[in-house]
């Protein structure tokens, strides 16, 4: 079930820009500009908003066919998305880019953090998410990992 049915297009965009959802990621999710994010960073932001709003079709359609899962599950009950921090964006060439980001959430009261460097490719004028590498939070010198 999509959350957009109860989410106002005039609400602030979940991706964290000062624009409304309709003027920001909503245009990539629905309407005449659907699936036409102009660059990898915009696609990444629109995918974050799609995760927040359970826009599963959009997520699958913007996932490159070489790595796309067969299906996605909606957010688990009790999931609250808290924000997105884009750390960097690098364009390798006209058709390849990376975006580093941190997405924060709370799941049943427990904080979660996803820090990833994502890879994107443009094919036939459309950007797609390919995959990403998780970035582990650096531990202070001398700190031990607990299990």
N, C-alpha and C. Protein backbone atom coordinates (compact mmCIF):
# COMPACT_ATOMS: atom_id res chain seq x y z
N UNK A 1 0.84 -1.18 0.00
CA UNK A 1 0.00 0.00 0.00
C UNK A 1 0.88 1.24 0.00
N UNK A 2 0.57 2.19 -0.86
CA UNK A 2 1.34 3.42 -0.95
C UNK A 2 0.86 4.43 0.08
N UNK A 3 1.81 5.16 0.65
CA UNK A 3 1.47 6.21 1.60
C UNK A 3 1.07 7.49 0.89
N UNK A 4 1.34 7.61 -0.40
CA UNK A 4 1.05 8.86 -1.10
C UNK A 4 -0.43 9.18 -1.09
N UNK A 5 -1.30 8.19 -0.88
CA UNK A 5 -2.72 8.46 -0.86
C UNK A 5 -3.08 9.39 0.30
N UNK A 6 -2.34 9.35 1.39
CA UNK A 6 -2.59 10.24 2.52
C UNK A 6 -1.52 11.32 2.65
N UNK A 7 -0.65 11.41 1.68
CA UNK A 7 0.45 12.37 1.70
C UNK A 7 0.12 13.49 0.73
N UNK A 8 0.08 14.72 1.22
CA UNK A 8 -0.28 15.85 0.38
C UNK A 8 0.84 16.22 -0.58
N UNK A 9 0.52 16.46 -1.85
CA UNK A 9 1.54 16.91 -2.80
C UNK A 9 2.20 18.23 -2.39
N UNK A 10 1.52 19.00 -1.55
CA UNK A 10 2.06 20.28 -1.09
C UNK A 10 2.93 20.14 0.15
N UNK A 11 2.99 18.95 0.73
CA UNK A 11 3.85 18.71 1.89
C UNK A 11 5.31 18.86 1.49
N UNK A 12 6.19 19.16 2.46
CA UNK A 12 7.63 19.19 2.14
C UNK A 12 8.06 17.83 1.59
N UNK A 13 8.96 17.86 0.62
CA UNK A 13 9.42 16.62 0.02
C UNK A 13 10.20 15.79 1.04
N UNK A 14 9.95 14.49 1.11
CA UNK A 14 10.68 13.64 2.04
C UNK A 14 12.19 13.61 1.81
N UNK A 15 12.65 13.99 0.61
CA UNK A 15 14.09 13.92 0.32
C UNK A 15 14.89 15.01 1.02
N UNK A 16 14.19 15.98 1.64
CA UNK A 16 14.89 16.98 2.44
C UNK A 16 15.13 18.32 1.77
N UNK A 17 14.74 18.48 0.52
CA UNK A 17 14.87 19.79 -0.11
C UNK A 17 13.77 20.71 0.43
N UNK A 18 13.91 22.02 0.27
CA UNK A 18 12.87 22.92 0.76
C UNK A 18 11.61 22.95 -0.12
N UNK A 19 11.61 22.24 -1.22
CA UNK A 19 10.47 22.24 -2.15
C UNK A 19 9.36 21.31 -1.68
N UNK A 20 8.17 21.54 -2.23
CA UNK A 20 7.06 20.63 -1.97
C UNK A 20 7.32 19.30 -2.68
N UNK A 21 6.65 18.25 -2.22
CA UNK A 21 6.78 16.94 -2.86
C UNK A 21 6.41 17.04 -4.34
N UNK A 22 5.33 17.75 -4.63
CA UNK A 22 4.86 17.89 -6.01
C UNK A 22 5.91 18.54 -6.91
N UNK A 23 6.59 19.57 -6.40
CA UNK A 23 7.59 20.30 -7.20
C UNK A 23 8.94 19.59 -7.22
N UNK A 24 9.13 18.65 -6.31
CA UNK A 24 10.43 17.96 -6.20
C UNK A 24 10.28 16.53 -6.71
N UNK A 25 10.33 15.57 -5.84
CA UNK A 25 10.34 14.15 -6.25
C UNK A 25 9.02 13.65 -6.81
N UNK A 26 7.92 14.28 -6.45
CA UNK A 26 6.62 13.85 -6.96
C UNK A 26 6.54 13.87 -8.47
N UNK A 27 7.22 14.82 -9.10
CA UNK A 27 7.18 14.89 -10.57
C UNK A 27 7.90 13.73 -11.22
N UNK A 28 8.89 13.15 -10.53
CA UNK A 28 9.59 11.98 -11.08
C UNK A 28 8.79 10.71 -10.80
N UNK A 29 7.97 10.71 -9.75
CA UNK A 29 7.16 9.55 -9.39
C UNK A 29 5.90 9.43 -10.25
N UNK A 30 5.30 10.58 -10.64
CA UNK A 30 4.00 10.59 -11.32
C UNK A 30 3.98 11.64 -12.42
N UNK A 31 3.09 11.48 -13.37
CA UNK A 31 2.86 12.52 -14.37
C UNK A 31 3.79 12.45 -15.56
N UNK A 32 3.88 13.56 -16.28
CA UNK A 32 4.59 13.59 -17.56
C UNK A 32 6.10 13.44 -17.42
N UNK A 33 6.66 13.75 -16.25
CA UNK A 33 8.12 13.62 -16.06
C UNK A 33 8.50 12.33 -15.34
N UNK A 34 7.53 11.44 -15.17
CA UNK A 34 7.78 10.18 -14.46
C UNK A 34 9.00 9.47 -15.04
N UNK A 35 9.88 9.02 -14.16
CA UNK A 35 11.08 8.25 -14.50
C UNK A 35 12.13 9.05 -15.27
N UNK A 36 12.04 10.37 -15.28
CA UNK A 36 12.95 11.19 -16.08
C UNK A 36 13.87 12.06 -15.23
N UNK A 37 14.31 11.57 -14.07
CA UNK A 37 15.25 12.34 -13.25
C UNK A 37 16.46 12.72 -14.11
N UNK A 38 16.87 14.00 -14.07
CA UNK A 38 17.91 14.47 -14.99
C UNK A 38 19.34 14.05 -14.65
N UNK A 39 19.57 13.58 -13.42
CA UNK A 39 20.93 13.17 -13.04
C UNK A 39 20.84 12.15 -11.92
N UNK A 40 21.98 11.55 -11.60
CA UNK A 40 22.02 10.48 -10.60
C UNK A 40 21.61 10.97 -9.21
N UNK A 41 22.05 12.16 -8.82
CA UNK A 41 21.70 12.66 -7.49
C UNK A 41 20.19 12.87 -7.37
N UNK A 42 19.58 13.42 -8.39
CA UNK A 42 18.13 13.61 -8.38
C UNK A 42 17.42 12.27 -8.31
N UNK A 43 17.91 11.28 -9.07
CA UNK A 43 17.31 9.95 -9.01
C UNK A 43 17.46 9.36 -7.61
N UNK A 44 18.63 9.51 -7.00
CA UNK A 44 18.83 8.97 -5.65
C UNK A 44 17.86 9.63 -4.67
N UNK A 45 17.71 10.94 -4.73
CA UNK A 45 16.77 11.64 -3.85
C UNK A 45 15.34 11.14 -4.08
N UNK A 46 14.98 10.97 -5.36
CA UNK A 46 13.62 10.51 -5.67
C UNK A 46 13.41 9.07 -5.20
N UNK A 47 14.46 8.27 -5.22
CA UNK A 47 14.34 6.90 -4.72
C UNK A 47 14.19 6.89 -3.20
N UNK A 48 14.90 7.78 -2.50
CA UNK A 48 14.72 7.88 -1.05
C UNK A 48 13.26 8.24 -0.76
N UNK A 49 12.74 9.27 -1.44
CA UNK A 49 11.34 9.66 -1.23
C UNK A 49 10.40 8.49 -1.55
N UNK A 50 10.73 7.71 -2.57
CA UNK A 50 9.91 6.55 -2.92
C UNK A 50 9.94 5.49 -1.82
N UNK A 51 11.10 5.30 -1.19
CA UNK A 51 11.16 4.39 -0.04
C UNK A 51 10.27 4.90 1.08
N UNK A 52 10.35 6.19 1.39
CA UNK A 52 9.54 6.78 2.46
C UNK A 52 8.06 6.57 2.18
N UNK A 53 7.65 6.75 0.93
CA UNK A 53 6.23 6.72 0.55
C UNK A 53 5.76 5.37 0.02
N UNK A 54 6.62 4.35 0.09
CA UNK A 54 6.27 3.01 -0.41
C UNK A 54 5.87 3.03 -1.89
N UNK A 55 6.56 3.81 -2.68
CA UNK A 55 6.34 3.83 -4.13
C UNK A 55 7.17 2.70 -4.75
N UNK A 56 6.73 1.47 -4.51
CA UNK A 56 7.51 0.29 -4.88
C UNK A 56 7.67 0.13 -6.39
N UNK A 57 6.64 0.45 -7.15
CA UNK A 57 6.76 0.36 -8.62
C UNK A 57 7.86 1.29 -9.12
N UNK A 58 7.90 2.51 -8.59
CA UNK A 58 8.93 3.47 -9.00
C UNK A 58 10.32 2.93 -8.66
N UNK A 59 10.47 2.38 -7.48
CA UNK A 59 11.78 1.83 -7.08
C UNK A 59 12.22 0.73 -8.03
N UNK A 60 11.33 -0.17 -8.37
CA UNK A 60 11.68 -1.26 -9.29
C UNK A 60 11.98 -0.74 -10.69
N UNK A 61 11.21 0.23 -11.15
CA UNK A 61 11.40 0.76 -12.50
C UNK A 61 12.67 1.59 -12.64
N UNK A 62 13.22 2.07 -11.53
CA UNK A 62 14.46 2.86 -11.58
C UNK A 62 15.66 2.04 -11.13
N UNK A 63 15.48 0.74 -10.94
CA UNK A 63 16.55 -0.17 -10.56
C UNK A 63 17.04 -0.85 -11.84
N UNK A 64 18.31 -0.84 -12.09
CA UNK A 64 18.85 -1.42 -13.33
C UNK A 64 18.49 -2.90 -13.43
N UNK A 65 18.13 -3.32 -14.62
CA UNK A 65 17.68 -4.71 -14.82
C UNK A 65 18.72 -5.75 -14.41
N UNK A 66 20.00 -5.40 -14.44
CA UNK A 66 21.05 -6.37 -14.11
C UNK A 66 21.10 -6.69 -12.61
N UNK A 67 20.53 -5.84 -11.78
CA UNK A 67 20.58 -6.06 -10.32
C UNK A 67 19.22 -5.94 -9.66
N UNK A 68 18.18 -5.71 -10.43
CA UNK A 68 16.83 -5.47 -9.89
C UNK A 68 16.26 -6.74 -9.25
N UNK A 69 15.74 -6.62 -8.03
CA UNK A 69 15.07 -7.78 -7.43
C UNK A 69 13.72 -8.01 -8.10
N UNK A 70 13.18 -9.19 -7.91
CA UNK A 70 11.88 -9.52 -8.51
C UNK A 70 10.75 -8.71 -7.89
N UNK A 71 10.89 -8.39 -6.61
CA UNK A 71 9.85 -7.62 -5.92
C UNK A 71 10.45 -6.94 -4.70
N UNK A 72 9.69 -6.02 -4.14
CA UNK A 72 10.08 -5.32 -2.92
C UNK A 72 8.92 -5.37 -1.93
N UNK A 73 9.24 -5.36 -0.68
CA UNK A 73 8.23 -5.32 0.37
C UNK A 73 8.04 -3.89 0.85
N UNK A 74 6.82 -3.50 1.21
CA UNK A 74 6.63 -2.16 1.77
C UNK A 74 7.34 -2.03 3.11
N UNK A 75 7.46 -0.80 3.57
CA UNK A 75 8.07 -0.55 4.87
C UNK A 75 7.36 -1.37 5.94
N UNK A 76 8.14 -1.91 6.85
CA UNK A 76 7.57 -2.65 7.96
C UNK A 76 6.79 -1.70 8.86
N UNK A 77 5.71 -2.19 9.48
CA UNK A 77 5.01 -1.33 10.43
C UNK A 77 5.99 -0.84 11.50
N UNK A 78 5.85 0.39 11.89
CA UNK A 78 6.74 0.96 12.89
C UNK A 78 7.98 1.62 12.33
N UNK A 79 8.13 1.64 10.98
CA UNK A 79 9.28 2.30 10.36
C UNK A 79 8.98 3.78 10.19
N UNK A 80 9.90 4.60 10.65
CA UNK A 80 9.79 6.06 10.49
C UNK A 80 11.08 6.55 9.86
N UNK A 81 10.97 7.14 8.68
CA UNK A 81 12.14 7.70 7.99
C UNK A 81 12.42 9.07 8.57
N UNK A 82 13.67 9.34 8.94
CA UNK A 82 14.03 10.57 9.65
C UNK A 82 14.79 11.58 8.81
N UNK A 83 15.37 11.17 7.70
CA UNK A 83 16.05 12.15 6.88
C UNK A 83 17.13 11.57 6.00
N UNK A 84 17.53 12.40 5.05
CA UNK A 84 18.53 12.04 4.06
C UNK A 84 19.61 13.11 4.06
N UNK A 85 20.85 12.67 4.06
CA UNK A 85 22.00 13.57 3.96
C UNK A 85 22.85 13.12 2.78
N UNK A 86 22.86 13.92 1.72
CA UNK A 86 23.70 13.61 0.56
C UNK A 86 25.10 14.10 0.86
N UNK A 87 26.06 13.19 0.90
CA UNK A 87 27.44 13.52 1.26
C UNK A 87 28.29 13.89 0.05
N UNK A 88 27.94 13.37 -1.12
CA UNK A 88 28.75 13.65 -2.30
C UNK A 88 28.14 13.07 -3.55
N UNK A 89 28.56 13.62 -4.68
CA UNK A 89 28.08 13.18 -5.99
C UNK A 89 29.24 13.30 -6.96
N UNK A 90 29.55 12.22 -7.66
CA UNK A 90 30.67 12.24 -8.62
C UNK A 90 30.19 11.68 -9.95
N UNK A 91 30.48 12.41 -11.00
CA UNK A 91 30.13 12.00 -12.36
C UNK A 91 31.39 11.40 -12.99
N UNK A 92 31.41 10.08 -13.25
CA UNK A 92 32.58 9.45 -13.86
C UNK A 92 32.68 9.79 -15.34
N UNK A 93 31.55 9.78 -16.04
CA UNK A 93 31.46 10.19 -17.44
C UNK A 93 29.99 10.53 -17.68
N UNK A 94 29.60 10.72 -18.92
CA UNK A 94 28.22 11.14 -19.20
C UNK A 94 27.17 10.14 -18.72
N UNK A 95 27.54 8.87 -18.61
CA UNK A 95 26.56 7.83 -18.31
C UNK A 95 26.81 7.05 -17.03
N UNK A 96 27.77 7.46 -16.21
CA UNK A 96 28.07 6.75 -14.96
C UNK A 96 28.32 7.76 -13.86
N UNK A 97 27.73 7.50 -12.68
CA UNK A 97 27.89 8.42 -11.56
C UNK A 97 27.77 7.64 -10.25
N UNK A 98 28.27 8.24 -9.19
CA UNK A 98 28.10 7.71 -7.84
C UNK A 98 27.52 8.81 -6.96
N UNK A 99 26.77 8.39 -5.95
CA UNK A 99 26.21 9.31 -4.96
C UNK A 99 26.43 8.68 -3.59
N UNK A 100 27.04 9.44 -2.69
CA UNK A 100 27.21 8.99 -1.31
C UNK A 100 26.15 9.67 -0.46
N UNK A 101 25.48 8.87 0.37
CA UNK A 101 24.41 9.41 1.21
C UNK A 101 24.31 8.66 2.52
N UNK A 102 23.62 9.29 3.47
CA UNK A 102 23.25 8.66 4.72
C UNK A 102 21.73 8.83 4.87
N UNK A 103 21.03 7.73 5.04
CA UNK A 103 19.59 7.74 5.29
C UNK A 103 19.36 7.25 6.71
N UNK A 104 18.60 8.03 7.47
CA UNK A 104 18.33 7.66 8.86
C UNK A 104 16.87 7.26 9.02
N UNK A 105 16.65 6.27 9.88
CA UNK A 105 15.29 5.83 10.16
C UNK A 105 15.20 5.33 11.60
N UNK A 106 13.98 5.11 12.00
CA UNK A 106 13.71 4.50 13.31
C UNK A 106 12.76 3.35 13.03
N UNK A 107 13.13 2.18 13.55
CA UNK A 107 12.31 1.00 13.35
C UNK A 107 11.90 0.46 14.71
N UNK A 108 10.60 0.60 15.00
CA UNK A 108 10.07 0.20 16.31
C UNK A 108 10.88 0.81 17.45
N UNK A 109 11.19 2.09 17.32
CA UNK A 109 11.89 2.82 18.37
C UNK A 109 13.39 2.71 18.34
N UNK A 110 13.93 1.90 17.46
CA UNK A 110 15.38 1.70 17.39
C UNK A 110 15.97 2.45 16.19
N UNK A 111 17.01 3.25 16.44
CA UNK A 111 17.64 4.05 15.38
C UNK A 111 18.36 3.15 14.39
N UNK A 112 18.27 3.52 13.12
CA UNK A 112 18.98 2.82 12.05
C UNK A 112 19.60 3.86 11.13
N UNK A 113 20.70 3.49 10.53
CA UNK A 113 21.44 4.41 9.66
C UNK A 113 22.00 3.61 8.49
N UNK A 114 21.75 4.09 7.28
CA UNK A 114 22.28 3.46 6.08
C UNK A 114 23.21 4.47 5.42
N UNK A 115 24.50 4.14 5.36
CA UNK A 115 25.50 4.99 4.71
C UNK A 115 25.99 4.20 3.52
N UNK A 116 25.77 4.74 2.32
CA UNK A 116 26.06 3.99 1.11
C UNK A 116 26.66 4.90 0.04
N UNK A 117 27.53 4.32 -0.76
CA UNK A 117 27.98 4.94 -2.01
C UNK A 117 27.31 4.13 -3.11
N UNK A 118 26.35 4.76 -3.78
CA UNK A 118 25.54 4.09 -4.80
C UNK A 118 26.09 4.36 -6.19
N UNK A 119 25.96 3.35 -7.05
CA UNK A 119 26.37 3.48 -8.44
C UNK A 119 25.13 3.60 -9.33
N UNK A 120 25.24 4.51 -10.30
CA UNK A 120 24.14 4.77 -11.23
C UNK A 120 24.66 4.73 -12.66
N UNK A 121 23.79 4.32 -13.57
CA UNK A 121 24.13 4.30 -15.00
C UNK A 121 22.97 4.92 -15.78
N UNK A 122 23.32 5.60 -16.85
CA UNK A 122 22.29 6.17 -17.73
C UNK A 122 22.25 5.34 -19.01
N UNK A 123 21.06 4.88 -19.36
CA UNK A 123 20.84 4.12 -20.59
C UNK A 123 19.64 4.70 -21.32
N UNK A 124 19.81 4.95 -22.59
CA UNK A 124 18.74 5.53 -23.41
C UNK A 124 18.15 6.79 -22.77
N UNK A 125 19.03 7.59 -22.16
CA UNK A 125 18.61 8.86 -21.57
C UNK A 125 18.01 8.78 -20.18
N UNK A 126 17.87 7.57 -19.62
CA UNK A 126 17.29 7.40 -18.28
C UNK A 126 18.34 6.91 -17.30
N UNK A 127 18.31 7.49 -16.10
CA UNK A 127 19.22 7.05 -15.03
C UNK A 127 18.61 5.89 -14.26
N UNK A 128 19.49 4.94 -13.87
CA UNK A 128 19.09 3.77 -13.09
C UNK A 128 20.05 3.57 -11.93
N UNK A 129 19.50 3.13 -10.80
CA UNK A 129 20.33 2.67 -9.67
C UNK A 129 20.85 1.29 -10.04
N UNK A 130 22.15 1.06 -9.86
CA UNK A 130 22.74 -0.25 -10.15
C UNK A 130 22.96 -1.02 -8.85
N UNK A 131 23.80 -0.48 -7.98
CA UNK A 131 24.10 -1.12 -6.70
C UNK A 131 24.86 -0.12 -5.85
N UNK A 132 25.29 -0.58 -4.68
CA UNK A 132 26.02 0.33 -3.81
C UNK A 132 26.88 -0.42 -2.82
N UNK A 133 27.81 0.31 -2.24
CA UNK A 133 28.68 -0.23 -1.19
C UNK A 133 28.35 0.47 0.11
N UNK A 134 28.16 -0.32 1.17
CA UNK A 134 27.91 0.25 2.48
C UNK A 134 29.20 0.82 3.03
N UNK A 135 29.09 1.94 3.72
CA UNK A 135 30.23 2.59 4.36
C UNK A 135 30.05 2.41 5.86
N UNK A 136 31.03 1.76 6.47
CA UNK A 136 30.94 1.57 7.92
C UNK A 136 31.37 2.83 8.63
N UNK A 137 30.69 3.12 9.73
CA UNK A 137 31.04 4.27 10.54
C UNK A 137 32.41 4.02 11.17
N UNK A 138 33.29 5.00 11.04
CA UNK A 138 34.64 4.86 11.60
C UNK A 138 34.56 4.83 13.12
N UNK A 139 35.33 3.93 13.71
CA UNK A 139 35.39 3.85 15.17
C UNK A 139 36.60 4.64 15.66
N UNK A 140 36.48 5.26 16.83
CA UNK A 140 37.64 5.97 17.38
C UNK A 140 38.81 5.01 17.57
N UNK A 141 40.02 5.54 17.47
CA UNK A 141 41.23 4.73 17.66
C UNK A 141 41.16 4.00 18.99
N UNK A 142 41.45 2.72 18.96
CA UNK A 142 41.45 1.92 20.18
C UNK A 142 40.09 1.35 20.54
N UNK A 143 39.04 1.77 19.86
CA UNK A 143 37.70 1.25 20.16
C UNK A 143 37.56 -0.15 19.58
N UNK A 144 36.84 -0.98 20.29
CA UNK A 144 36.60 -2.35 19.83
C UNK A 144 35.18 -2.51 19.35
N UNK A 145 35.04 -3.36 18.37
CA UNK A 145 33.69 -3.69 17.89
C UNK A 145 33.04 -4.62 18.91
N UNK A 146 31.81 -4.32 19.30
CA UNK A 146 31.08 -5.18 20.23
C UNK A 146 30.16 -6.09 19.45
N UNK A 147 29.92 -7.24 19.99
CA UNK A 147 29.04 -8.21 19.31
C UNK A 147 27.80 -8.44 20.09
